[in-house]
């Protein structure tokens, strides 16, 4: 488990405009853009897997997480030398957790500085405060050495900011150049696309789950109806009905209607937000598959299979208890479920693998594989930039390395102790190691699967990931940029989702959907489409 998953889920609400003067840029960049460092096509960083402890369950370049049944007995060194030059590094990063003891009273923070050869001076912001803090720093002109940039639904005018204030990292990390930073070379290509704009690489990405939303269910509940699968939509709804008994206080699904539509859309092989054909984009709202998914959700609601209170805040505990049979989780939240208290003893999880509505296969819509990127201020010269990249390379140390072990568990006898071959944080470690979560939002290890004492769970999730990847489809706009999408996309989509909640619950007719989509198009959807198409065309 890497980043604080609860915190990241809140980032979807970040919206801010970045004020940048003295620069001009337009369009977007992709892995294939024609504006690389030397004017030619951009070469994405070469992928070189970490040559550390062999996982019991191998991962791959497509996003399959490596699985470990035991904690690596002999972590290997992934960084050859102390990366820093003794200077102070400033940074703006995200953090929404318990108070971190200050450096003067935090032995772990002090040891981080020592091992990395720098002094970290970090400023942080949370869900509500990050955009304001980010904008204030940018407007003041004092860009910090490291600036964490939230995903596309967050801060706006990032392309302009990058051109004006960040180092173009293309010559440092594109192609085989990234091999100078072995842990960064361990990032899959899809992860790097988060930092690509205008055909250049503007930062180091923060790896995150490749998997999109999934239905995670209570295994005992679904075993009673022969598993969380079906051959047709009607058969699945029939299973929903069998699992629902309002008088007994049991329901099949959480009352997240928009998320349910997204899951049903995969049964109808719906697109991953956009469909690209012949250079032209079609949004999922404009497809019959999405309409069919809404219709399926309406049938489910009419059958009474959703938990009755849409304002429920403890759905995870309801699923654990079997009161609700399934909930939709992000890909990262899904693989984090076995870390919940009581898992493996009180209950176990099963995962829904979308089937095809017509007897064929369904699809799984992948996520980004990252949570934003960290830009490096262009006030730093080439020598300092290389040093800063080496620092990020250390922070990206993968599971199974000495550096990852240190960053997550600190020093033996102080921040952790070993029990049955695995590290356990001390009381002091629990407090001091919170600093590590601030560092992880600058960059971190790629995802992995490790659940102590839960071999079968590890194997089951790894198998489910393989099954999802077999039917997966990435978004065709990954690595592309639309300013209108960042500026207005979230609000436009929210209006459509408000309608979907009304349609599913019977407050508005499905016949209104066409006019709702027309409003989305005229309100900015068509402009978003145009900007993405222009970016795709530039990529060739």
Protein backbone atom coordinates (compact mmCIF):
# COMPACT_ATOMS: atom_id res chain seq x y z
CA UNK A 1 0.00 0.00 0.00
CA UNK A 2 1.50 3.32 -1.08
CA UNK A 3 -0.27 6.67 -0.98
CA UNK A 4 -2.98 7.46 1.51
CA UNK A 5 -5.86 6.22 -0.65
CA UNK A 6 -8.55 8.10 1.24
CA UNK A 7 -6.73 11.36 0.67
CA UNK A 8 -6.31 10.83 -3.04
CA UNK A 9 -10.00 10.15 -3.55
CA UNK A 10 -10.66 13.68 -2.33
CA UNK A 11 -8.43 15.19 -4.98
CA UNK A 12 -11.13 14.76 -7.59
CA UNK A 13 -12.65 17.90 -6.14
CA UNK A 14 -9.61 20.11 -6.69
CA UNK A 15 -10.31 22.98 -9.07
CA UNK A 16 -8.09 26.00 -9.46
CA UNK A 17 -6.75 28.37 -12.06
CA UNK A 18 -3.02 28.96 -12.23
CA UNK A 19 -2.11 32.54 -13.09
CA UNK A 20 0.93 32.60 -15.35
CA UNK A 21 2.25 35.61 -17.21
CA UNK A 22 4.86 36.07 -19.88
CA UNK A 23 4.28 32.81 -21.73
CA UNK A 24 2.14 31.44 -24.50
CA UNK A 25 1.23 27.90 -25.44
CA UNK A 26 -1.69 26.06 -26.93
CA UNK A 27 -2.95 22.60 -27.75
CA UNK A 28 -1.59 19.53 -26.02
CA UNK A 29 1.18 16.98 -26.06
CA UNK A 30 1.33 13.20 -26.21
CA UNK A 31 3.77 10.39 -26.29
CA UNK A 32 3.82 10.76 -30.04
CA UNK A 33 3.97 14.54 -30.26
CA UNK A 34 6.27 16.08 -32.85
CA UNK A 35 7.83 18.55 -30.45
CA UNK A 36 10.46 16.53 -28.62
CA UNK A 37 13.63 18.02 -27.21
CA UNK A 38 15.40 17.91 -30.57
CA UNK A 39 12.33 18.81 -32.61
CA UNK A 40 11.52 15.20 -33.49
CA UNK A 41 8.97 12.76 -32.08
CA UNK A 42 9.11 12.40 -28.32
CA UNK A 43 10.65 9.16 -27.09
CA UNK A 44 8.97 8.05 -23.91
CA UNK A 45 11.34 6.94 -21.12
CA UNK A 46 12.62 3.40 -21.63
CA UNK A 47 10.99 0.92 -19.27
CA UNK A 48 13.56 -1.09 -17.29
CA UNK A 49 11.97 -3.30 -14.60
CA UNK A 50 13.53 -3.32 -11.14
CA UNK A 51 16.03 -6.17 -10.82
CA UNK A 52 15.32 -6.80 -7.15
CA UNK A 53 13.79 -9.67 -5.19
CA UNK A 54 11.76 -11.90 -7.51
CA UNK A 55 8.05 -11.52 -6.78
CA UNK A 56 6.02 -14.66 -6.17
CA UNK A 57 3.49 -13.30 -8.67
CA UNK A 58 5.12 -11.30 -11.48
CA UNK A 59 3.96 -7.93 -12.68
CA UNK A 60 4.29 -6.52 -16.19
CA UNK A 61 4.62 -3.34 -18.23
CA UNK A 62 0.86 -3.19 -18.81
CA UNK A 63 0.12 -2.45 -15.15
CA UNK A 64 -0.15 -5.86 -13.48
CA UNK A 65 1.12 -5.41 -9.94
CA UNK A 66 3.85 -7.76 -8.69
CA UNK A 67 2.68 -9.85 -5.75
CA UNK A 68 4.71 -10.93 -2.74
CA UNK A 69 3.63 -13.68 -0.34
CA UNK A 70 6.40 -12.88 2.12
CA UNK A 71 8.27 -9.72 2.96
CA UNK A 72 11.57 -9.71 1.02
CA UNK A 73 14.17 -11.19 3.33
CA UNK A 74 17.09 -9.38 1.71
CA UNK A 75 16.14 -5.97 0.27
CA UNK A 76 18.61 -4.80 -2.36
CA UNK A 77 20.21 -1.38 -2.81
CA UNK A 78 18.61 0.52 -5.71
CA UNK A 79 20.57 3.78 -5.32
CA UNK A 80 24.35 3.64 -5.67
CA UNK A 81 25.29 6.83 -3.84
CA UNK A 82 23.87 9.63 -1.72
CA UNK A 83 21.93 11.69 -4.29
CA UNK A 84 22.06 15.13 -2.69
CA UNK A 85 24.68 17.88 -2.62
CA UNK A 86 24.08 19.11 0.91
CA UNK A 87 21.69 21.88 -0.11
CA UNK A 88 18.16 22.66 1.05
CA UNK A 89 15.32 21.49 -1.19
CA UNK A 90 12.04 23.39 -1.14
CA UNK A 91 8.81 21.78 -2.23
CA UNK A 92 5.03 22.03 -2.33
CA UNK A 93 3.28 18.74 -1.85
CA UNK A 94 -0.07 17.32 -0.77
CA UNK A 95 -0.77 16.02 2.71
CA UNK A 96 -3.98 15.35 4.62
CA UNK A 97 -3.09 13.35 7.69
CA UNK A 98 -2.02 13.61 11.32
CA UNK A 99 0.35 16.37 12.36
CA UNK A 100 3.92 15.56 11.38
CA UNK A 101 6.52 16.28 14.08
CA UNK A 102 8.80 19.05 12.89
CA UNK A 103 12.29 18.25 11.67
CA UNK A 104 13.96 19.34 14.91
CA UNK A 105 11.97 16.74 16.84
CA UNK A 106 11.61 14.07 14.17
CA UNK A 107 14.46 11.55 14.07
CA UNK A 108 13.09 9.97 10.90
CA UNK A 109 13.00 13.29 9.01
CA UNK A 110 16.56 13.96 10.13
CA UNK A 111 17.65 10.52 8.90
CA UNK A 112 15.93 11.13 5.54
CA UNK A 113 17.95 14.32 5.15
CA UNK A 114 21.14 12.46 6.02
CA UNK A 115 20.59 9.55 3.66
CA UNK A 116 19.51 11.72 0.76
CA UNK A 117 22.16 14.38 1.37
CA UNK A 118 19.73 17.30 1.46
CA UNK A 119 17.54 19.21 3.89
CA UNK A 120 13.87 18.99 2.99
CA UNK A 121 11.87 22.18 3.55
CA UNK A 122 8.35 21.27 2.46
CA UNK A 123 5.12 23.20 2.35
CA UNK A 124 1.88 21.20 2.15
CA UNK A 125 -1.78 21.63 1.33
CA UNK A 126 -4.86 19.45 1.67
CA UNK A 127 -8.00 18.92 -0.42
CA UNK A 128 -9.46 22.37 0.19
CA UNK A 129 -6.27 24.33 0.67
CA UNK A 130 -3.96 22.96 -2.00
CA UNK A 131 -5.22 24.97 -5.01
CA UNK A 132 -5.07 28.22 -3.05
CA UNK A 133 -1.57 27.52 -1.78
CA UNK A 134 -0.40 26.46 -5.24
CA UNK A 135 -1.80 29.63 -6.84
CA UNK A 136 -0.33 31.87 -4.17
CA UNK A 137 3.15 30.47 -4.73
CA UNK A 138 2.87 30.75 -8.51
CA UNK A 139 1.50 34.30 -8.36
CA UNK A 140 4.34 35.31 -6.04
CA UNK A 141 6.90 34.11 -8.56
CA UNK A 142 8.86 32.05 -6.04
CA UNK A 143 8.41 28.59 -7.52
CA UNK A 144 9.73 25.90 -5.20
CA UNK A 145 12.26 23.31 -6.34
CA UNK A 146 9.53 20.65 -6.41
CA UNK A 147 5.91 21.51 -7.26
CA UNK A 148 3.37 18.69 -7.16
CA UNK A 149 0.77 19.16 -9.91
CA UNK A 150 -2.61 17.54 -9.29
CA UNK A 151 -4.30 15.39 -11.96
CA UNK A 152 -6.18 16.88 -14.89
CA UNK A 153 -9.37 17.55 -12.97
CA UNK A 154 -7.46 19.82 -10.67
CA UNK A 155 -5.26 22.82 -11.41
CA UNK A 156 -5.73 24.67 -14.68
CA UNK A 157 -3.38 26.32 -17.21
CA UNK A 158 -0.71 23.78 -16.31
CA UNK A 159 0.73 23.74 -19.84
CA UNK A 160 1.38 27.47 -19.63
CA UNK A 161 2.85 27.14 -16.17
CA UNK A 162 5.16 24.33 -17.26
CA UNK A 163 6.48 26.28 -20.24
CA UNK A 164 7.13 29.33 -18.07
CA UNK A 165 8.35 27.90 -14.78
CA UNK A 166 9.38 24.22 -15.02
CA UNK A 167 12.46 22.50 -16.42
CA UNK A 168 11.81 20.58 -19.63
CA UNK A 169 12.93 17.14 -18.47
CA UNK A 170 12.77 15.58 -21.94
CA UNK A 171 16.56 15.54 -22.49
CA UNK A 172 17.07 14.11 -19.00
CA UNK A 173 14.60 11.20 -19.05
CA UNK A 174 13.35 10.48 -22.56
CA UNK A 175 14.43 7.24 -24.21
CA UNK A 176 17.51 5.63 -22.67
CA UNK A 177 18.45 8.84 -20.82
CA UNK A 178 16.20 7.74 -17.98
CA UNK A 179 18.57 4.86 -17.24
CA UNK A 180 20.67 7.37 -15.29
CA UNK A 181 17.81 7.14 -12.79
CA UNK A 182 17.07 3.40 -12.49
CA UNK A 183 14.06 3.72 -10.19
CA UNK A 184 12.43 6.23 -12.53
CA UNK A 185 13.12 3.83 -15.40
CA UNK A 186 11.01 1.33 -13.45
CA UNK A 187 7.91 3.46 -14.22
CA UNK A 188 5.69 2.07 -16.99
CA UNK A 189 5.06 4.27 -20.03
CA UNK A 190 1.43 4.92 -19.15
CA UNK A 191 2.53 6.42 -15.84
CA UNK A 192 4.84 8.91 -17.58
CA UNK A 193 2.02 10.23 -19.78
CA UNK A 194 0.75 12.26 -16.81
CA UNK A 195 3.73 14.59 -17.22
CA UNK A 196 3.60 14.98 -21.02
CA UNK A 197 2.32 18.21 -22.55
CA UNK A 198 3.16 19.86 -25.85
CA UNK A 199 5.41 16.97 -26.78
CA UNK A 200 7.72 17.37 -23.78
CA UNK A 201 8.09 15.76 -20.37
CA UNK A 202 7.53 18.40 -17.71
CA UNK A 203 7.95 16.41 -14.51
CA UNK A 204 8.29 13.12 -12.71
CA UNK A 205 4.96 11.30 -12.30
CA UNK A 206 3.60 9.86 -9.08
CA UNK A 207 2.78 6.18 -9.82
CA UNK A 208 -0.68 4.97 -8.91
CA UNK A 209 -2.99 2.12 -9.79
CA UNK A 210 -3.64 1.42 -13.48
CA UNK A 211 -7.01 -0.07 -12.67
CA UNK A 212 -10.21 1.91 -12.93
CA UNK A 213 -13.29 1.54 -10.77
CA UNK A 214 -14.35 -1.99 -9.85
CA UNK A 215 -17.27 -3.58 -8.04
CA UNK A 216 -15.86 -5.17 -4.89
CA UNK A 217 -18.22 -7.57 -3.15
CA UNK A 218 -18.61 -9.55 0.04
CA UNK A 219 -17.53 -13.04 -1.04
CA UNK A 220 -19.87 -14.89 1.32
CA UNK A 221 -22.85 -12.95 -0.03
CA UNK A 222 -22.00 -13.61 -3.66
CA UNK A 223 -21.13 -17.26 -3.06
CA UNK A 224 -24.78 -17.72 -2.02
CA UNK A 225 -25.87 -16.84 -5.58
CA UNK A 226 -23.13 -18.76 -7.39
CA UNK A 227 -20.65 -15.91 -7.67
CA UNK A 228 -20.39 -12.24 -8.66
CA UNK A 229 -20.91 -12.86 -12.38
CA UNK A 230 -23.62 -13.61 -14.91
CA UNK A 231 -24.16 -14.23 -18.60
CA UNK A 232 -26.69 -11.46 -19.24
CA UNK A 233 -27.72 -8.17 -17.62
CA UNK A 234 -31.09 -9.64 -16.65
CA UNK A 235 -29.39 -12.58 -14.94
CA UNK A 236 -27.20 -10.20 -12.94
CA UNK A 237 -30.23 -8.15 -11.87
CA UNK A 238 -31.93 -11.37 -10.81
CA UNK A 239 -28.92 -12.08 -8.56
CA UNK A 240 -29.24 -8.57 -7.17
CA UNK A 241 -32.85 -9.40 -6.25
CA UNK A 242 -31.87 -12.67 -4.59
CA UNK A 243 -29.35 -10.83 -2.40
CA UNK A 244 -31.87 -8.16 -1.41
CA UNK A 245 -34.24 -8.57 1.53
CA UNK A 246 -35.31 -5.18 2.83
CA UNK A 247 -37.16 -6.68 5.81
CA UNK A 248 -34.00 -8.52 6.84
CA UNK A 249 -31.88 -5.40 6.23
CA UNK A 250 -29.90 -6.66 3.22
CA UNK A 251 -29.32 -5.05 -0.16
CA UNK A 252 -27.21 -5.97 -3.19
CA UNK A 253 -25.65 -2.61 -4.06
CA UNK A 254 -24.49 0.62 -2.51
CA UNK A 255 -26.61 3.64 -3.54
CA UNK A 256 -23.95 5.14 -5.84
CA UNK A 257 -26.02 5.34 -9.01
CA UNK A 258 -23.51 7.04 -11.30
CA UNK A 259 -20.85 4.50 -10.33
CA UNK A 260 -23.31 1.69 -11.04
CA UNK A 261 -23.93 3.11 -14.51
CA UNK A 262 -20.17 3.18 -15.10
CA UNK A 263 -19.91 -0.50 -14.16
CA UNK A 264 -22.88 -1.47 -16.33
CA UNK A 265 -21.39 0.55 -19.20
CA UNK A 266 -18.52 -1.94 -19.23
CA UNK A 267 -20.98 -4.81 -19.62
CA UNK A 268 -22.18 -3.14 -22.82
CA UNK A 269 -18.56 -2.58 -23.88
CA UNK A 270 -18.90 1.16 -23.49
CA UNK A 271 -16.01 3.51 -24.16
CA UNK A 272 -13.49 4.76 -21.61
CA UNK A 273 -14.92 8.31 -21.53
CA UNK A 274 -14.01 8.87 -25.20
CA UNK A 275 -13.91 6.72 -28.36
CA UNK A 276 -11.41 7.60 -31.08
CA UNK A 277 -12.12 6.62 -34.69
CA UNK A 278 -10.46 8.21 -37.70
CA UNK A 279 -9.14 11.10 -35.64
CA UNK A 280 -12.64 11.94 -34.36
CA UNK A 281 -13.79 11.61 -30.77
CA UNK A 282 -17.15 10.48 -29.46
CA UNK A 283 -17.94 10.94 -25.78
CA UNK A 284 -19.53 8.13 -23.78
CA UNK A 285 -22.59 10.34 -23.19
CA UNK A 286 -23.22 10.20 -26.94
CA UNK A 287 -23.20 6.40 -27.20
CA UNK A 288 -26.01 3.86 -27.12
CA UNK A 289 -23.94 1.70 -24.77
CA UNK A 290 -24.11 4.38 -22.09
CA UNK A 291 -27.86 4.74 -22.55
CA UNK A 292 -28.19 0.97 -22.14
CA UNK A 293 -26.18 1.21 -18.92
CA UNK A 294 -28.57 3.86 -17.58
CA UNK A 295 -31.51 1.65 -18.50
CA UNK A 296 -29.95 -1.25 -16.59
CA UNK A 297 -29.46 0.95 -13.52
CA UNK A 298 -33.10 2.06 -13.73
CA UNK A 299 -34.20 -1.61 -13.74
CA UNK A 300 -32.00 -2.29 -10.73
CA UNK A 301 -33.44 0.67 -8.84
CA UNK A 302 -37.00 -0.34 -9.66
CA UNK A 303 -36.18 -3.80 -8.28
CA UNK A 304 -35.18 -2.17 -4.98
CA UNK A 305 -31.65 -3.61 -4.88
CA UNK A 306 -29.82 -0.39 -3.89
CA UNK A 307 -29.32 0.43 -0.21
CA UNK A 308 -32.11 2.93 0.54
CA UNK A 309 -30.10 5.83 2.01
CA UNK A 310 -27.96 7.57 -0.65
CA UNK A 311 -26.29 9.67 2.06
CA UNK A 312 -24.76 6.69 3.84
CA UNK A 313 -21.19 7.33 4.99
CA UNK A 314 -20.12 3.90 6.29
CA UNK A 315 -20.70 1.75 3.22
CA UNK A 316 -17.41 -0.11 3.68
CA UNK A 317 -18.54 -1.48 7.04
CA UNK A 318 -21.92 -2.43 5.52
CA UNK A 319 -20.14 -4.49 2.87
CA UNK A 320 -17.92 -6.12 5.49
CA UNK A 321 -21.00 -7.03 7.51
CA UNK A 322 -22.89 -8.36 4.47
CA UNK A 323 -25.61 -5.74 4.84
CA UNK A 324 -24.64 -4.52 1.36
CA UNK A 325 -23.21 -7.06 -1.07
CA UNK A 326 -21.08 -4.77 -3.26
CA UNK A 327 -19.62 -1.31 -3.56
CA UNK A 328 -17.67 0.49 -6.30
CA UNK A 329 -14.05 1.31 -5.44
CA UNK A 330 -11.20 2.97 -7.27
CA UNK A 331 -8.53 0.56 -8.47
CA UNK A 332 -6.24 1.65 -5.66
CA UNK A 333 -9.01 1.46 -3.07
CA UNK A 334 -9.87 -2.03 -4.28
CA UNK A 335 -6.39 -3.46 -3.69
CA UNK A 336 -6.31 -1.67 -0.34
CA UNK A 337 -9.36 -3.51 1.02
CA UNK A 338 -7.37 -6.41 2.59
CA UNK A 339 -5.56 -3.85 4.77
CA UNK A 340 -8.82 -3.03 6.55
CA UNK A 341 -9.25 -4.26 10.14
CA UNK A 342 -11.05 -7.59 10.30
CA UNK A 343 -10.36 -8.58 6.73
CA UNK A 344 -9.54 -12.27 6.31
CA UNK A 345 -11.26 -13.20 9.56
CA UNK A 346 -14.66 -11.47 9.56
CA UNK A 347 -15.06 -11.33 5.78
CA UNK A 348 -13.38 -11.65 2.39
CA UNK A 349 -13.73 -9.87 -0.95
CA UNK A 350 -14.69 -10.96 -4.43
CA UNK A 351 -14.26 -8.86 -7.58
CA UNK A 352 -16.68 -8.34 -10.45
CA UNK A 353 -15.12 -9.00 -13.86
CA UNK A 354 -17.39 -7.38 -16.49
CA UNK A 355 -19.00 -9.87 -18.86
CA UNK A 356 -20.43 -8.96 -22.25
CA UNK A 357 -24.15 -8.27 -22.47
CA UNK A 358 -24.43 -10.46 -25.57
CA UNK A 359 -22.44 -13.47 -24.40
CA UNK A 360 -19.03 -12.07 -25.34
CA UNK A 361 -16.53 -10.32 -23.11
CA UNK A 362 -17.05 -7.03 -21.36
CA UNK A 363 -14.42 -4.33 -20.97
CA UNK A 364 -12.53 -2.75 -18.09
CA UNK A 365 -11.81 0.95 -18.34
CA UNK A 366 -8.31 1.69 -17.06
CA UNK A 367 -7.33 4.68 -14.95
CA UNK A 368 -4.30 6.94 -15.51
CA UNK A 369 -1.63 4.93 -13.72
CA UNK A 370 -0.52 8.07 -11.89
CA UNK A 371 -1.68 10.82 -9.55
CA UNK A 372 -0.23 13.92 -11.16
CA UNK A 373 3.45 14.79 -11.45
CA UNK A 374 6.17 16.82 -9.75
CA UNK A 375 7.64 19.67 -11.75
CA UNK A 376 11.15 21.02 -11.12
CA UNK A 377 11.62 24.80 -11.03
CA UNK A 378 13.59 26.17 -13.98
CA UNK A 379 15.51 28.45 -11.62
CA UNK A 380 17.74 25.39 -11.17
CA UNK A 381 20.63 24.88 -13.59
CA UNK A 382 21.45 21.58 -15.30
CA UNK A 383 23.69 20.34 -12.47
CA UNK A 384 21.07 21.08 -9.81
CA UNK A 385 18.32 19.57 -11.95
CA UNK A 386 20.24 16.30 -12.22
CA UNK A 387 20.71 16.27 -8.46
CA UNK A 388 17.00 16.85 -7.91
CA UNK A 389 16.19 14.01 -10.30
CA UNK A 390 18.47 11.74 -8.28
CA UNK A 391 16.58 12.69 -5.15
CA UNK A 392 13.29 11.79 -6.85
CA UNK A 393 14.92 8.58 -8.05
CA UNK A 394 15.57 7.70 -4.41
CA UNK A 395 11.95 8.47 -3.45
CA UNK A 396 10.79 6.20 -6.30
CA UNK A 397 12.61 3.19 -4.83
CA UNK A 398 10.45 0.08 -5.38
CA UNK A 399 9.19 -2.48 -2.90
CA UNK A 400 12.03 -4.93 -2.25
CA UNK A 401 14.71 -2.25 -2.12
CA UNK A 402 16.61 -0.99 0.92
CA UNK A 403 15.49 2.55 0.15
CA UNK A 404 11.79 1.63 0.04
CA UNK A 405 12.19 -0.21 3.34
CA UNK A 406 13.75 2.86 4.94
CA UNK A 407 11.24 5.34 3.52
CA UNK A 408 8.30 3.27 4.77
CA UNK A 409 9.62 1.84 8.04
CA UNK A 410 12.56 3.99 9.06
CA UNK A 411 15.41 2.68 11.21
CA UNK A 412 15.27 -0.64 13.05
CA UNK A 413 14.86 -0.24 16.79
CA UNK A 414 13.64 3.34 16.43
CA UNK A 415 10.79 3.51 13.93
CA UNK A 416 10.20 -0.25 13.54
CA UNK A 417 10.98 -3.68 14.89
CA UNK A 418 10.96 -7.04 13.12
CA UNK A 419 8.33 -9.62 14.03
CA UNK A 420 8.11 -12.98 12.25
CA UNK A 421 10.26 -11.69 9.40
CA UNK A 422 8.22 -8.55 8.73
CA UNK A 423 8.60 -4.95 9.99
CA UNK A 424 6.14 -3.52 12.49
CA UNK A 425 6.10 0.21 13.25
CA UNK A 426 6.81 1.34 16.78
CA UNK A 427 4.68 3.98 18.47
CA UNK A 428 7.40 6.50 17.71
CA UNK A 429 7.52 5.29 14.12
CA UNK A 430 3.77 5.68 13.62
CA UNK A 431 4.14 9.37 14.43
CA UNK A 432 7.43 10.22 12.76
CA UNK A 433 6.87 8.23 9.55
CA UNK A 434 3.93 10.46 8.64
CA UNK A 435 6.61 12.61 7.02
CA UNK A 436 7.07 9.84 4.46
CA UNK A 437 3.49 10.42 3.23
CA UNK A 438 4.42 13.99 2.34
CA UNK A 439 7.32 12.71 0.27
CA UNK A 440 5.14 10.15 -1.53
CA UNK A 441 3.12 12.87 -3.23
CA UNK A 442 6.30 14.01 -4.98
CA UNK A 443 6.89 10.50 -6.29
CA UNK A 444 6.89 6.97 -4.97
CA UNK A 445 7.24 3.28 -5.72
CA UNK A 446 5.00 1.72 -8.37
CA UNK A 447 2.12 -0.32 -6.95
CA UNK A 448 2.57 -3.85 -5.59
CA UNK A 449 0.56 -6.50 -3.73
CA UNK A 450 1.62 -7.57 -0.26
CA UNK A 451 -0.78 -8.73 2.43
CA UNK A 452 1.02 -10.44 5.32
CA UNK A 453 -0.41 -13.87 6.08
CA UNK A 454 -3.01 -13.66 3.31
CA UNK A 455 -1.53 -15.71 0.48
CA UNK A 456 -4.86 -16.67 -1.08
CA UNK A 457 -6.06 -13.08 -1.02
CA UNK A 458 -2.87 -11.94 -2.76
CA UNK A 459 -3.31 -14.62 -5.43
CA UNK A 460 -7.00 -13.82 -5.90
CA UNK A 461 -6.39 -10.08 -6.44
CA UNK A 462 -3.45 -10.78 -8.76
CA UNK A 463 -5.67 -13.14 -10.80
CA UNK A 464 -8.46 -10.56 -10.91
CA UNK A 465 -5.99 -7.96 -12.16
CA UNK A 466 -4.93 -10.32 -14.96
CA UNK A 467 -8.57 -10.88 -15.92
CA UNK A 468 -9.26 -7.14 -15.95
CA UNK A 469 -6.18 -6.41 -18.04
CA UNK A 470 -7.28 -8.99 -20.61
CA UNK A 471 -10.39 -6.91 -21.31
CA UNK A 472 -8.91 -3.50 -20.51
CA UNK A 473 -9.03 -0.37 -22.61
CA UNK A 474 -7.09 2.82 -21.84
CA UNK A 475 -8.53 6.24 -22.46
CA UNK A 476 -7.60 7.53 -25.94
CA UNK A 477 -6.90 10.99 -24.50
CA UNK A 478 -4.14 9.90 -22.13
CA UNK A 479 -1.16 12.19 -22.61
CA UNK A 480 -3.31 14.78 -24.39
CA UNK A 481 -4.28 18.18 -23.08
CA UNK A 482 -7.44 20.26 -23.21
CA UNK A 483 -7.52 23.48 -21.22
CA UNK A 484 -11.30 23.62 -21.46
CA UNK A 485 -11.54 20.12 -20.02
CA UNK A 486 -9.48 21.11 -17.01
CA UNK A 487 -11.28 24.43 -16.62
CA UNK A 488 -14.89 23.27 -17.17
CA UNK A 489 -14.90 19.51 -17.65
CA UNK A 490 -15.67 18.57 -14.08
CA UNK A 491 -18.58 21.00 -13.70
CA UNK A 492 -20.03 19.98 -17.06
CA UNK A 493 -19.83 16.29 -16.21
CA UNK A 494 -21.32 16.89 -12.76
CA UNK A 495 -24.44 18.35 -14.34
CA UNK A 496 -24.91 15.22 -16.44
CA UNK A 497 -24.33 13.03 -13.41
CA UNK A 498 -26.96 14.96 -11.46
CA UNK A 499 -29.41 14.13 -14.22
CA UNK A 500 -28.38 10.44 -14.17
CA UNK A 501 -29.14 10.24 -10.44
CA UNK A 502 -32.56 11.74 -11.14
CA UNK A 503 -33.18 9.36 -14.05
CA UNK A 504 -32.15 6.23 -12.16
CA UNK A 505 -34.32 7.13 -9.17
CA UNK A 506 -37.33 8.00 -11.34
CA UNK A 507 -37.35 11.75 -10.77
CA UNK A 508 -36.76 12.49 -14.46
CA UNK A 509 -37.52 10.49 -17.61
CA UNK A 510 -34.79 8.88 -19.70
CA UNK A 511 -36.12 10.80 -22.70
CA UNK A 512 -34.56 13.95 -21.18
CA UNK A 513 -31.05 12.53 -21.61
CA UNK A 514 -30.71 13.73 -25.20
CA UNK A 515 -31.31 17.36 -24.24
CA UNK A 516 -28.96 17.01 -21.24
CA UNK A 517 -26.20 15.82 -23.57
CA UNK A 518 -26.88 18.70 -25.96
CA UNK A 519 -26.42 21.11 -23.05
CA UNK A 520 -23.14 19.39 -22.18
CA UNK A 521 -21.95 19.77 -25.78
CA UNK A 522 -22.92 23.44 -26.14
CA UNK A 523 -21.66 24.29 -22.65
CA UNK A 524 -18.11 23.20 -23.48
CA UNK A 525 -18.18 19.51 -24.42
CA UNK A 526 -17.75 20.22 -28.13
CA UNK A 527 -14.87 22.58 -27.40
CA UNK A 528 -13.19 19.94 -25.24
CA UNK A 529 -13.60 17.46 -28.08
CA UNK A 530 -12.04 19.88 -30.56
CA UNK A 531 -9.03 20.57 -28.35
CA UNK A 532 -8.36 16.89 -27.76
CA UNK A 533 -8.73 16.15 -31.48
CA UNK A 534 -6.23 18.88 -32.29
CA UNK A 535 -3.80 17.38 -29.79
CA UNK A 536 -4.26 13.93 -31.29
CA UNK A 537 -3.72 15.31 -34.79
CA UNK A 538 -0.47 16.96 -33.71
CA UNK A 539 0.71 13.61 -32.43
CA UNK A 540 0.40 12.20 -35.93
